[in-house]
PDB file of N, CA and C in Angstrom:
ATOM      1  N   MET A   1     -45.717  56.629 -61.113  1.00  0.00           N
ATOM      2  CA  MET A   1     -44.992  57.072 -62.283  1.00  0.00           C
ATOM      3  C   MET A   1     -43.891  56.070 -62.591  1.00  0.00           C
ATOM      4  N   THR A   2     -43.889  55.556 -63.785  1.00  0.00           N
ATOM      5  CA  THR A   2     -42.863  54.599 -64.175  1.00  0.00           C
ATOM      6  C   THR A   2     -41.721  55.319 -64.862  1.00  0.00           C
ATOM      7  N   VAL A   3     -40.534  54.792 -64.673  1.00  0.00           N
ATOM      8  CA  VAL A   3     -39.335  55.371 -65.274  1.00  0.00           C
ATOM      9  C   VAL A   3     -39.187  54.812 -66.686  1.00  0.00           C
ATOM     10  N   GLN A   4     -39.035  55.706 -67.636  1.00  0.00           N
ATOM     11  CA  GLN A   4     -38.868  55.304 -69.028  1.00  0.00           C
ATOM     12  C   GLN A   4     -37.374  55.084 -69.314  1.00  0.00           C
ATOM     13  N   GLN A   5     -37.085  54.361 -70.380  1.00  0.00           N
ATOM     14  CA  GLN A   5     -35.697  54.103 -70.755  1.00  0.00           C
ATOM     15  C   GLN A   5     -34.937  55.411 -71.012  1.00  0.00           C
ATOM     16  N   ARG A   6     -35.618  56.383 -71.612  1.00  0.00           N
ATOM     17  CA  ARG A   6     -34.971  57.670 -71.882  1.00  0.00           C
ATOM     18  C   ARG A   6     -34.526  58.327 -70.580  1.00  0.00           C
ATOM     19  N   GLN A   7     -35.371  58.234 -69.554  1.00  0.00           N
ATOM     20  CA  GLN A   7     -35.032  58.827 -68.259  1.00  0.00           C
ATOM     21  C   GLN A   7     -33.871  58.067 -67.606  1.00  0.00           C
ATOM     22  N   ARG A   8     -33.845  56.754 -67.792  1.00  0.00           N
ATOM     23  CA  ARG A   8     -32.756  55.953 -67.228  1.00  0.00           C
ATOM     24  C   ARG A   8     -31.422  56.327 -67.898  1.00  0.00           C
ATOM     25  N   ARG A   9     -31.434  56.497 -69.232  1.00  0.00           N
ATOM     26  CA  ARG A   9     -30.210  56.871 -69.939  1.00  0.00           C
ATOM     27  C   ARG A   9     -29.730  58.256 -69.494  1.00  0.00           C
ATOM     28  N   HIS A  10     -30.669  59.177 -69.330  1.00  0.00           N
ATOM     29  CA  HIS A  10     -30.319  60.533 -68.887  1.00  0.00           C
ATOM     30  C   HIS A  10     -29.676  60.469 -67.490  1.00  0.00           C
ATOM     31  N   LEU A  11     -30.255  59.648 -66.604  1.00  0.00           N
ATOM     32  CA  LEU A  11     -29.703  59.495 -65.259  1.00  0.00           C
ATOM     33  C   LEU A  11     -28.296  58.907 -65.322  1.00  0.00           C
ATOM     34  N   GLN A  12     -28.096  57.897 -66.157  1.00  0.00           N
ATOM     35  CA  GLN A  12     -26.783  57.275 -66.258  1.00  0.00           C
ATOM     36  C   GLN A  12     -25.752  58.267 -66.792  1.00  0.00           C
ATOM     37  N   GLU A  13     -26.143  59.072 -67.776  1.00  0.00           N
ATOM     38  CA  GLU A  13     -25.206  60.076 -68.306  1.00  0.00           C
ATOM     39  C   GLU A  13     -24.818  61.072 -67.224  1.00  0.00           C
ATOM     40  N   ALA A  14     -25.799  61.476 -66.407  1.00  0.00           N
ATOM     41  CA  ALA A  14     -25.504  62.425 -65.324  1.00  0.00           C
ATOM     42  C   ALA A  14     -24.584  61.775 -64.293  1.00  0.00           C
ATOM     43  N   LEU A  15     -24.823  60.509 -64.003  1.00  0.00           N
ATOM     44  CA  LEU A  15     -23.956  59.816 -63.046  1.00  0.00           C
ATOM     45  C   LEU A  15     -22.538  59.634 -63.586  1.00  0.00           C
ATOM     46  N   VAL A  16     -22.419  59.323 -64.880  1.00  0.00           N
ATOM     47  CA  VAL A  16     -21.092  59.180 -65.482  1.00  0.00           C
ATOM     48  C   VAL A  16     -20.339  60.494 -65.359  1.00  0.00           C
ATOM     49  N   ASN A  17     -21.003  61.621 -65.627  1.00  0.00           N
ATOM     50  CA  ASN A  17     -20.359  62.938 -65.523  1.00  0.00           C
ATOM     51  C   ASN A  17     -19.956  63.248 -64.092  1.00  0.00           C
ATOM     52  N   THR A  18     -20.745  62.754 -63.123  1.00  0.00           N
ATOM     53  CA  THR A  18     -20.475  63.074 -61.721  1.00  0.00           C
ATOM     54  C   THR A  18     -19.534  62.069 -61.066  1.00  0.00           C
ATOM     55  N   LEU A  19     -19.813  60.761 -61.259  1.00  0.00           N
ATOM     56  CA  LEU A  19     -19.085  59.715 -60.531  1.00  0.00           C
ATOM     57  C   LEU A  19     -18.048  58.970 -61.364  1.00  0.00           C
ATOM     58  N   GLY A  20     -18.178  59.032 -62.658  1.00  0.00           N
ATOM     59  CA  GLY A  20     -17.319  58.233 -63.519  1.00  0.00           C
ATOM     60  C   GLY A  20     -18.084  56.997 -64.005  1.00  0.00           C
ATOM     61  N   THR A  21     -17.559  56.371 -65.067  1.00  0.00           N
ATOM     62  CA  THR A  21     -18.265  55.277 -65.729  1.00  0.00           C
ATOM     63  C   THR A  21     -18.464  54.070 -64.819  1.00  0.00           C
ATOM     64  N   GLU A  22     -17.419  53.639 -64.151  1.00  0.00           N
ATOM     65  CA  GLU A  22     -17.509  52.426 -63.325  1.00  0.00           C
ATOM     66  C   GLU A  22     -18.495  52.610 -62.172  1.00  0.00           C
ATOM     67  N   SER A  23     -18.397  53.718 -61.466  1.00  0.00           N
ATOM     68  CA  SER A  23     -19.310  53.968 -60.343  1.00  0.00           C
ATOM     69  C   SER A  23     -20.737  54.158 -60.831  1.00  0.00           C
ATOM     70  N   ALA A  24     -20.918  54.821 -61.961  1.00  0.00           N
ATOM     71  CA  ALA A  24     -22.260  55.029 -62.507  1.00  0.00           C
ATOM     72  C   ALA A  24     -22.883  53.691 -62.895  1.00  0.00           C
ATOM     73  N   ASP A  25     -22.092  52.816 -63.524  1.00  0.00           N
ATOM     74  CA  ASP A  25     -22.603  51.495 -63.905  1.00  0.00           C
ATOM     75  C   ASP A  25     -22.989  50.680 -62.676  1.00  0.00           C
ATOM     76  N   THR A  26     -22.149  50.748 -61.650  1.00  0.00           N
ATOM     77  CA  THR A  26     -22.444  50.015 -60.413  1.00  0.00           C
ATOM     78  C   THR A  26     -23.744  50.515 -59.794  1.00  0.00           C
ATOM     79  N   LEU A  27     -23.904  51.812 -59.724  1.00  0.00           N
ATOM     80  CA  LEU A  27     -25.128  52.375 -59.129  1.00  0.00           C
ATOM     81  C   LEU A  27     -26.359  52.031 -59.965  1.00  0.00           C
ATOM     82  N   MET A  28     -26.228  52.037 -61.263  1.00  0.00           N
ATOM     83  CA  MET A  28     -27.369  51.717 -62.135  1.00  0.00           C
ATOM     84  C   MET A  28     -27.779  50.249 -61.994  1.00  0.00           C
ATOM     85  N   GLU A  29     -26.818  49.392 -61.671  1.00  0.00           N
ATOM     86  CA  GLU A  29     -27.124  47.973 -61.476  1.00  0.00           C
ATOM     87  C   GLU A  29     -28.076  47.764 -60.296  1.00  0.00           C
ATOM     88  N   TYR A  30     -28.061  48.671 -59.331  1.00  0.00           N
ATOM     89  CA  TYR A  30     -28.933  48.534 -58.171  1.00  0.00           C
ATOM     90  C   TYR A  30     -30.369  48.956 -58.447  1.00  0.00           C
ATOM     91  N   LEU A  31     -30.604  49.612 -59.565  1.00  0.00           N
ATOM     92  CA  LEU A  31     -31.967  50.018 -59.915  1.00  0.00           C
ATOM     93  C   LEU A  31     -32.706  48.823 -60.524  1.00  0.00           C
ATOM     94  N   PRO A  32     -33.974  48.703 -60.210  1.00  0.00           N
ATOM     95  CA  PRO A  32     -34.718  47.581 -60.805  1.00  0.00           C
ATOM     96  C   PRO A  32     -34.912  47.820 -62.304  1.00  0.00           C
ATOM     97  N   PRO A  33     -35.034  46.758 -63.097  1.00  0.00           N
ATOM     98  CA  PRO A  33     -35.201  46.907 -64.538  1.00  0.00           C
ATOM     99  C   PRO A  33     -36.580  47.429 -64.912  1.00  0.00           C
ATOM    100  N   VAL A  34     -37.503  47.451 -63.957  1.00  0.00           N
ATOM    101  CA  VAL A  34     -38.864  47.938 -64.188  1.00  0.00           C
ATOM    102  C   VAL A  34     -39.190  48.960 -63.120  1.00  0.00           C
ATOM    103  N   GLY A  35     -40.416  49.427 -63.128  1.00  0.00           N
ATOM    104  CA  GLY A  35     -40.814  50.405 -62.112  1.00  0.00           C
ATOM    105  C   GLY A  35     -40.888  49.777 -60.730  1.00  0.00           C
ATOM    106  N   TRP A  36     -40.811  50.620 -59.713  1.00  0.00           N
ATOM    107  CA  TRP A  36     -40.843  50.127 -58.335  1.00  0.00           C
ATOM    108  C   TRP A  36     -42.179  49.466 -58.006  1.00  0.00           C
ATOM    109  N   ALA A  37     -43.201  49.784 -58.737  1.00  0.00           N
ATOM    110  CA  ALA A  37     -44.503  49.169 -58.484  1.00  0.00           C
ATOM    111  C   ALA A  37     -44.480  47.680 -58.818  1.00  0.00           C
ATOM    112  N   ASP A  38     -43.543  47.264 -59.667  1.00  0.00           N
ATOM    113  CA  ASP A  38     -43.450  45.858 -60.063  1.00  0.00           C
ATOM    114  C   ASP A  38     -42.544  45.042 -59.149  1.00  0.00           C
ATOM    115  N   VAL A  39     -41.916  45.667 -58.181  1.00  0.00           N
ATOM    116  CA  VAL A  39     -41.008  44.982 -57.275  1.00  0.00           C
ATOM    117  C   VAL A  39     -41.806  44.452 -56.082  1.00  0.00           C
ATOM    118  N   ALA A  40     -41.567  43.201 -55.711  1.00  0.00           N
ATOM    119  CA  ALA A  40     -42.267  42.601 -54.579  1.00  0.00           C
ATOM    120  C   ALA A  40     -41.763  43.204 -53.275  1.00  0.00           C
ATOM    121  N   THR A  41     -42.684  43.424 -52.354  1.00  0.00           N
ATOM    122  CA  THR A  41     -42.333  43.952 -51.037  1.00  0.00           C
ATOM    123  C   THR A  41     -42.297  42.810 -50.033  1.00  0.00           C
ATOM    124  N   LYS A  42     -41.809  43.106 -48.837  1.00  0.00           N
ATOM    125  CA  LYS A  42     -41.810  42.096 -47.780  1.00  0.00           C
ATOM    126  C   LYS A  42     -43.235  41.664 -47.467  1.00  0.00           C
ATOM    127  N   ALA A  43     -44.152  42.610 -47.497  1.00  0.00           N
ATOM    128  CA  ALA A  43     -45.559  42.279 -47.225  1.00  0.00           C
ATOM    129  C   ALA A  43     -46.101  41.317 -48.280  1.00  0.00           C
ATOM    130  N   ASP A  44     -45.716  41.537 -49.553  1.00  0.00           N
ATOM    131  CA  ASP A  44     -46.134  40.625 -50.622  1.00  0.00           C
ATOM    132  C   ASP A  44     -45.600  39.217 -50.356  1.00  0.00           C
ATOM    133  N   LEU A  45     -44.320  39.145 -49.997  1.00  0.00           N
ATOM    134  CA  LEU A  45     -43.706  37.848 -49.732  1.00  0.00           C
ATOM    135  C   LEU A  45     -44.347  37.158 -48.530  1.00  0.00           C
ATOM    136  N   GLU A  46     -44.611  37.936 -47.480  1.00  0.00           N
ATOM    137  CA  GLU A  46     -45.257  37.359 -46.293  1.00  0.00           C
ATOM    138  C   GLU A  46     -46.658  36.858 -46.619  1.00  0.00           C
ATOM    139  N   HIS A  47     -47.384  37.621 -47.441  1.00  0.00           N
ATOM    140  CA  HIS A  47     -48.732  37.200 -47.846  1.00  0.00           C
ATOM    141  C   HIS A  47     -48.668  35.893 -48.628  1.00  0.00           C
ATOM    142  N   HIS A  48     -47.750  35.807 -49.580  1.00  0.00           N
ATOM    143  CA  HIS A  48     -47.620  34.585 -50.378  1.00  0.00           C
ATOM    144  C   HIS A  48     -47.116  33.416 -49.537  1.00  0.00           C
ATOM    145  N   ALA A  49     -46.237  33.705 -48.579  1.00  0.00           N
ATOM    146  CA  ALA A  49     -45.751  32.642 -47.693  1.00  0.00           C
ATOM    147  C   ALA A  49     -46.898  32.090 -46.847  1.00  0.00           C
ATOM    148  N   ALA A  50     -47.743  32.989 -46.326  1.00  0.00           N
ATOM    149  CA  ALA A  50     -48.885  32.547 -45.522  1.00  0.00           C
ATOM    150  C   ALA A  50     -49.870  31.750 -46.369  1.00  0.00           C
ATOM    151  N   ALA A  51     -50.120  32.207 -47.588  1.00  0.00           N
ATOM    152  CA  ALA A  51     -51.036  31.484 -48.481  1.00  0.00           C
ATOM    153  C   ALA A  51     -50.472  30.111 -48.841  1.00  0.00           C
ATOM    154  N   THR A  52     -49.174  30.061 -49.088  1.00  0.00           N
ATOM    155  CA  THR A  52     -48.537  28.782 -49.418  1.00  0.00           C
ATOM    156  C   THR A  52     -48.597  27.831 -48.227  1.00  0.00           C
ATOM    157  N   LYS A  53     -48.352  28.359 -47.033  1.00  0.00           N
ATOM    158  CA  LYS A  53     -48.420  27.527 -45.827  1.00  0.00           C
ATOM    159  C   LYS A  53     -49.832  26.978 -45.641  1.00  0.00           C
ATOM    160  N   LYS A  54     -50.824  27.828 -45.859  1.00  0.00           N
ATOM    161  CA  LYS A  54     -52.221  27.384 -45.732  1.00  0.00           C
ATOM    162  C   LYS A  54     -52.537  26.302 -46.759  1.00  0.00           C
ATOM    163  N   ASP A  55     -52.072  26.489 -47.998  1.00  0.00           N
ATOM    164  CA  ASP A  55     -52.286  25.479 -49.047  1.00  0.00           C
ATOM    165  C   ASP A  55     -51.613  24.163 -48.686  1.00  0.00           C
ATOM    166  N   LEU A  56     -50.386  24.227 -48.169  1.00  0.00           N
ATOM    167  CA  LEU A  56     -49.668  23.011 -47.789  1.00  0.00           C
ATOM    168  C   LEU A  56     -50.360  22.296 -46.635  1.00  0.00           C
ATOM    169  N   GLU A  57     -50.871  23.060 -45.675  1.00  0.00           N
ATOM    170  CA  GLU A  57     -51.598  22.443 -44.564  1.00  0.00           C
ATOM    171  C   GLU A  57     -52.867  21.762 -45.064  1.00  0.00           C
ATOM    172  N   HIS A  58     -53.555  22.412 -46.008  1.00  0.00           N
ATOM    173  CA  HIS A  58     -54.766  21.823 -46.583  1.00  0.00           C
ATOM    174  C   HIS A  58     -54.419  20.526 -47.318  1.00  0.00           C
ATOM    175  N   LEU A  59     -53.348  20.536 -48.099  1.00  0.00           N
ATOM    176  CA  LEU A  59     -52.925  19.333 -48.812  1.00  0.00           C
ATOM    177  C   LEU A  59     -52.517  18.230 -47.844  1.00  0.00           C
ATOM    178  N   ALA A  60     -51.839  18.606 -46.753  1.00  0.00           N
ATOM    179  CA  ALA A  60     -51.432  17.615 -45.752  1.00  0.00           C
ATOM    180  C   ALA A  60     -52.663  16.980 -45.105  1.00  0.00           C
ATOM    181  N   ASP A  61     -53.686  17.790 -44.810  1.00  0.00           N
ATOM    182  CA  ASP A  61     -54.929  17.256 -44.233  1.00  0.00           C
ATOM    183  C   ASP A  61     -55.602  16.289 -45.200  1.00  0.00           C
ATOM    184  N   ARG A  62     -55.680  16.683 -46.469  1.00  0.00           N
ATOM    185  CA  ARG A  62     -56.293  15.801 -47.472  1.00  0.00           C
ATOM    186  C   ARG A  62     -55.506  14.504 -47.601  1.00  0.00           C
ATOM    187  N   PHE A  63     -54.185  14.602 -47.604  1.00  0.00           N
ATOM    188  CA  PHE A  63     -53.344  13.419 -47.709  1.00  0.00           C
ATOM    189  C   PHE A  63     -53.563  12.501 -46.507  1.00  0.00           C
ATOM    190  N   ASP A  64     -53.616  13.091 -45.303  1.00  0.00           N
ATOM    191  CA  ASP A  64     -53.833  12.291 -44.101  1.00  0.00           C
ATOM    192  C   ASP A  64     -55.167  11.562 -44.152  1.00  0.00           C
ATOM    193  N   LYS A  65     -56.215  12.247 -44.614  1.00  0.00           N
ATOM    194  CA  LYS A  65     -57.538  11.617 -44.706  1.00  0.00           C
ATOM    195  C   LYS A  65     -57.532  10.479 -45.726  1.00  0.00           C
ATOM    196  N   LYS A  66     -56.901  10.706 -46.871  1.00  0.00           N
ATOM    197  CA  LYS A  66     -56.840   9.648 -47.882  1.00  0.00           C
ATOM    198  C   LYS A  66     -56.014   8.473 -47.387  1.00  0.00           C
ATOM    199  N   LEU A  67     -54.915   8.754 -46.703  1.00  0.00           N
ATOM    200  CA  LEU A  67     -54.081   7.694 -46.162  1.00  0.00           C
ATOM    201  C   LEU A  67     -54.846   6.883 -45.127  1.00  0.00           C
ATOM    202  N   GLU A  68     -55.580   7.560 -44.278  1.00  0.00           N
ATOM    203  CA  GLU A  68     -56.377   6.875 -43.257  1.00  0.00           C
ATOM    204  C   GLU A  68     -57.445   5.998 -43.902  1.00  0.00           C
ATOM    205  N   ALA A  69     -58.120   6.514 -44.924  1.00  0.00           N
ATOM    206  CA  ALA A  69     -59.145   5.728 -45.626  1.00  0.00           C
ATOM    207  C   ALA A  69     -58.515   4.509 -46.291  1.00  0.00           C
ATOM    208  N   THR A  70     -57.353   4.690 -46.880  1.00  0.00           N
ATOM    209  CA  THR A  70     -56.657   3.579 -47.528  1.00  0.00           C
ATOM    210  C   THR A  70     -56.246   2.526 -46.498  1.00  0.00           C
ATOM    211  N   GLU A  71     -55.756   2.978 -45.351  1.00  0.00           N
ATOM    212  CA  GLU A  71     -55.373   2.045 -44.290  1.00  0.00           C
ATOM    213  C   GLU A  71     -56.574   1.232 -43.830  1.00  0.00           C
ATOM    214  N   HIS A  72     -57.731   1.893 -43.646  1.00  0.00           N
ATOM    215  CA  HIS A  72     -58.933   1.175 -43.219  1.00  0.00           C
ATOM    216  C   HIS A  72     -59.349   0.148 -44.267  1.00  0.00           C
ATOM    217  N   ARG A  73     -59.295   0.534 -45.526  1.00  0.00           N
ATOM    218  CA  ARG A  73     -59.685  -0.377 -46.599  1.00  0.00           C
ATOM    219  C   ARG A  73     -58.753  -1.584 -46.649  1.00  0.00           C
ATOM    220  N   ILE A  74     -57.460  -1.345 -46.552  1.00  0.00           N
ATOM    221  CA  ILE A  74     -56.491  -2.440 -46.594  1.00  0.00           C
ATOM    222  C   ILE A  74     -56.651  -3.348 -45.383  1.00  0.00           C
ATOM    223  N   MET A  75     -56.842  -2.758 -44.215  1.00  0.00           N
ATOM    224  CA  MET A  75     -57.004  -3.575 -43.007  1.00  0.00           C
ATOM    225  C   MET A  75     -58.272  -4.418 -43.091  1.00  0.00           C
ATOM    226  N   ALA A  76     -59.336  -3.889 -43.673  1.00  0.00           N
ATOM    227  CA  ALA A  76     -60.561  -4.659 -43.840  1.00  0.00           C
ATOM    228  C   ALA A  76     -60.325  -5.834 -44.778  1.00  0.00           C
ATOM    229  N   GLN A  77     -59.579  -5.619 -45.849  1.00  0.00           N
ATOM    230  CA  GLN A  77     -59.263  -6.700 -46.790  1.00  0.00           C
ATOM    231  C   GLN A  77     -58.390  -7.761 -46.128  1.00  0.00           C
ATOM    232  N   VAL A  78     -57.384  -7.328 -45.383  1.00  0.00           N
ATOM    233  CA  VAL A  78     -56.506  -8.267 -44.690  1.00  0.00           C
ATOM    234  C   VAL A  78     -57.304  -9.066 -43.666  1.00  0.00           C
ATOM    235  N   ASP A  79     -58.166  -8.383 -42.933  1.00  0.00           N
ATOM    236  CA  ASP A  79     -58.995  -9.050 -41.931  1.00  0.00           C
ATOM    237  C   ASP A  79     -59.874 -10.116 -42.578  1.00  0.00           C
ATOM    238  N   GLU A  80     -60.483  -9.774 -43.706  1.00  0.00           N
ATOM    239  CA  GLU A  80     -61.344 -10.734 -44.405  1.00  0.00           C
ATOM    240  C   GLU A  80     -60.537 -11.940 -44.896  1.00  0.00           C
ATOM    241  N   LYS A  81     -59.356 -11.697 -45.432  1.00  0.00           N
ATOM    242  CA  LYS A  81     -58.519 -12.808 -45.916  1.00  0.00           C
ATOM    243  C   LYS A  81     -58.052 -13.689 -44.756  1.00  0.00           C
ATOM    244  N   LEU A  82     -57.700 -13.081 -43.628  1.00  0.00           N
ATOM    245  CA  LEU A  82     -57.289 -13.869 -42.465  1.00  0.00           C
ATOM    246  C   LEU A  82     -58.436 -14.731 -41.946  1.00  0.00           C
ATOM    247  N   LYS A  83     -59.639 -14.177 -41.935  1.00  0.00           N
ATOM    248  CA  LYS A  83     -60.801 -14.956 -41.500  1.00  0.00           C
ATOM    249  C   LYS A  83     -61.014 -16.157 -42.416  1.00  0.00           C
ATOM    250  N   THR A  84     -60.894 -15.937 -43.719  1.00  0.00           N
ATOM    251  CA  THR A  84     -61.064 -17.028 -44.690  1.00  0.00           C
ATOM    252  C   THR A  84     -59.994 -18.093 -44.499  1.00  0.00           C
ATOM    253  N   GLN A  85     -58.752 -17.676 -44.333  1.00  0.00           N
ATOM    254  CA  GLN A  85     -57.666 -18.636 -44.139  1.00  0.00           C
ATOM    255  C   GLN A  85     -57.838 -19.404 -42.829  1.00  0.00           C
ATOM    256  N   PHE A  86     -58.257 -18.720 -41.784  1.00  0.00           N
ATOM    257  CA  PHE A  86     -58.470 -19.390 -40.500  1.00  0.00           C
ATOM    258  C   PHE A  86     -59.595 -20.423 -40.622  1.00  0.00           C
ATOM    259  N   TYR A  87     -60.669 -20.077 -41.318  1.00  0.00           N
ATOM    260  CA  TYR A  87     -61.781 -21.006 -41.530  1.00  0.00           C
ATOM    261  C   TYR A  87     -61.273 -22.275 -42.222  1.00  0.00           C
ATOM    262  N   TRP A  88     -60.505 -22.103 -43.309  1.00  0.00           N
ATOM    263  CA  TRP A  88     -59.995 -23.264 -44.036  1.00  0.00           C
ATOM    264  C   TRP A  88     -59.012 -24.058 -43.195  1.00  0.00           C
ATOM    265  N   LEU A  89     -58.203 -23.401 -42.397  1.00  0.00           N
ATOM    266  CA  LEU A  89     -57.267 -24.086 -41.518  1.00  0.00           C
ATOM    267  C   LEU A  89     -58.017 -24.959 -40.511  1.00  0.00           C
ATOM    268  N   VAL A  90     -59.061 -24.431 -39.917  1.00  0.00           N
ATOM    269  CA  VAL A  90     -59.864 -25.189 -38.952  1.00  0.00           C
ATOM    270  C   VAL A  90     -60.525 -26.378 -39.648  1.00  0.00           C
ATOM    271  N   MET A  91     -61.074 -26.156 -40.841  1.00  0.00           N
ATOM    272  CA  MET A  91     -61.721 -27.249 -41.562  1.00  0.00           C
ATOM    273  C   MET A  91     -60.719 -28.365 -41.905  1.00  0.00           C
ATOM    274  N   ILE A  92     -59.525 -27.994 -42.332  1.00  0.00           N
ATOM    275  CA  ILE A  92     -58.500 -28.983 -42.663  1.00  0.00           C
ATOM    276  C   ILE A  92     -58.065 -29.734 -41.406  1.00  0.00           C
ATOM    277  N   MET A  93     -57.914 -29.033 -40.301  1.00  0.00           N
ATOM    278  CA  MET A  93     -57.530 -29.678 -39.042  1.00  0.00           C
ATOM    279  C   MET A  93     -58.605 -30.671 -38.594  1.00  0.00           C
ATOM    280  N   ILE A  94     -59.881 -30.289 -38.720  1.00  0.00           N
ATOM    281  CA  ILE A  94     -60.971 -31.202 -38.361  1.00  0.00           C
ATOM    282  C   ILE A  94     -60.933 -32.437 -39.257  1.00  0.00           C
ATOM    283  N   ALA A  95     -60.716 -32.206 -40.572  1.00  0.00           N
ATOM    284  CA  ALA A  95     -60.657 -33.340 -41.500  1.00  0.00           C
ATOM    285  C   ALA A  95     -59.478 -34.251 -41.165  1.00  0.00           C
ATOM    286  N   LEU A  96     -58.317 -33.690 -40.861  1.00  0.00           N
ATOM    287  CA  LEU A  96     -57.145 -34.501 -40.533  1.00  0.00           C
ATOM    288  C   LEU A  96     -57.336 -35.258 -39.223  1.00  0.00           C
ATOM    289  N   LEU A  97     -57.942 -34.616 -38.234  1.00  0.00           N
ATOM    290  CA  LEU A  97     -58.203 -35.291 -36.962  1.00  0.00           C
ATOM    291  C   LEU A  97     -59.216 -36.417 -37.149  1.00  0.00           C
ATOM    292  N   SER A  98     -60.216 -36.169 -37.993  1.00  0.00           N
ATOM    293  CA  SER A  98     -61.194 -37.226 -38.277  1.00  0.00           C
ATOM    294  C   SER A  98     -60.522 -38.398 -38.971  1.00  0.00           C
ATOM    295  N   LEU A  99     -59.662 -38.093 -39.931  1.00  0.00           N
ATOM    296  CA  LEU A  99     -58.939 -39.133 -40.642  1.00  0.00           C
ATOM    297  C   LEU A  99     -58.029 -39.909 -39.687  1.00  0.00           C
ATOM    298  N   GLN A 100     -57.352 -39.189 -38.824  1.00  0.00           N
ATOM    299  CA  GLN A 100     -56.481 -39.825 -37.839  1.00  0.00           C
ATOM    300  C   GLN A 100     -57.291 -40.736 -36.925  1.00  0.00           C
ATOM    301  N   GLY A 101     -58.467 -40.265 -36.507  1.00  0.00           N
ATOM    302  CA  GLY A 101     -59.337 -41.087 -35.656  1.00  0.00           C
ATOM    303  C   GLY A 101     -59.781 -42.342 -36.385  1.00  0.00           C
ATOM    304  N   ALA A 102     -60.106 -42.224 -37.666  1.00  0.00           N
ATOM    305  CA  ALA A 102     -60.535 -43.389 -38.451  1.00  0.00           C
ATOM    306  C   ALA A 102     -59.390 -44.372 -38.611  1.00  0.00           C
ATOM    307  N   VAL A 103     -58.171 -43.867 -38.843  1.00  0.00           N
ATOM    308  CA  VAL A 103     -57.017 -44.739 -38.994  1.00  0.00           C
ATOM    309  C   VAL A 103     -56.736 -45.480 -37.684  1.00  0.00           C
ATOM    310  N   VAL A 104     -56.783 -44.761 -36.571  1.00  0.00           N
ATOM    311  CA  VAL A 104     -56.541 -45.381 -35.265  1.00  0.00           C
ATOM    312  C   VAL A 104     -57.610 -46.443 -34.990  1.00  0.00           C
ATOM    313  N   THR A 105     -58.864 -46.129 -35.299  1.00  0.00           N
ATOM    314  CA  THR A 105     -59.951 -47.093 -35.098  1.00  0.00           C
ATOM    315  C   THR A 105     -59.746 -48.327 -35.973  1.00  0.00           C
ATOM    316  N   ALA A 106     -59.330 -48.137 -37.211  1.00  0.00           N
ATOM    317  CA  ALA A 106     -59.098 -49.253 -38.112  1.00  0.00           C
ATOM    318  C   ALA A 106     -57.962 -50.131 -37.626  1.00  0.00           C
ATOM    319  N   ILE A 107     -56.895 -49.487 -37.123  1.00  0.00           N
ATOM    320  CA  ILE A 107     -55.756 -50.236 -36.615  1.00  0.00           C
ATOM    321  C   ILE A 107     -56.164 -51.052 -35.396  1.00  0.00           C
ATOM    322  N   ILE A 108     -56.968 -50.457 -34.518  1.00  0.00           N
ATOM    323  CA  ILE A 108     -57.418 -51.147 -33.309  1.00  0.00           C
ATOM    324  C   ILE A 108     -58.269 -52.364 -33.699  1.00  0.00           C
ATOM    325  N   LYS A 109     -59.141 -52.199 -34.664  1.00  0.00           N
ATOM    326  CA  LYS A 109     -60.027 -53.283 -35.078  1.00  0.00           C
ATOM    327  C   LYS A 109     -59.239 -54.408 -35.748  1.00  0.00           C
ATOM    328  N   LEU A 110     -58.165 -54.076 -36.449  1.00  0.00           N
ATOM    329  CA  LEU A 110     -57.370 -55.080 -37.130  1.00  0.00           C
ATOM    330  C   LEU A 110     -56.502 -55.884 -36.165  1.00  0.00           C
ATOM    331  N   THR A 111     -56.192 -55.321 -35.067  1.00  0.00           N
ATOM    332  CA  THR A 111     -55.336 -56.027 -34.135  1.00  0.00           C
ATOM    333  C   THR A 111     -56.076 -56.881 -33.143  1.00  0.00           C
TER     334      THR A 111
END
């Protein structure tokens, strides 16, 4: 059963007659503006808290999986780039050593 505005006014008038205006107003402030069926209970809050916690855990799991996949992808790219750079470094070193050997040989032959 929901309380109608007419019933609320009747209650306030009775309280004013019994307690006085200030006390009646204070007591009426403690009543919800709607029916008690529309007021959340502790069980409602606990249910929503549990659902929210479950949703957050699910999002955290998804985030962790995406982060892990991203880390693997980035590490694979870095690994490939390092291999390429190392290959070129070795090739340049071989070329420089060959050039150095040719220069030393030329100097020896000239002397």
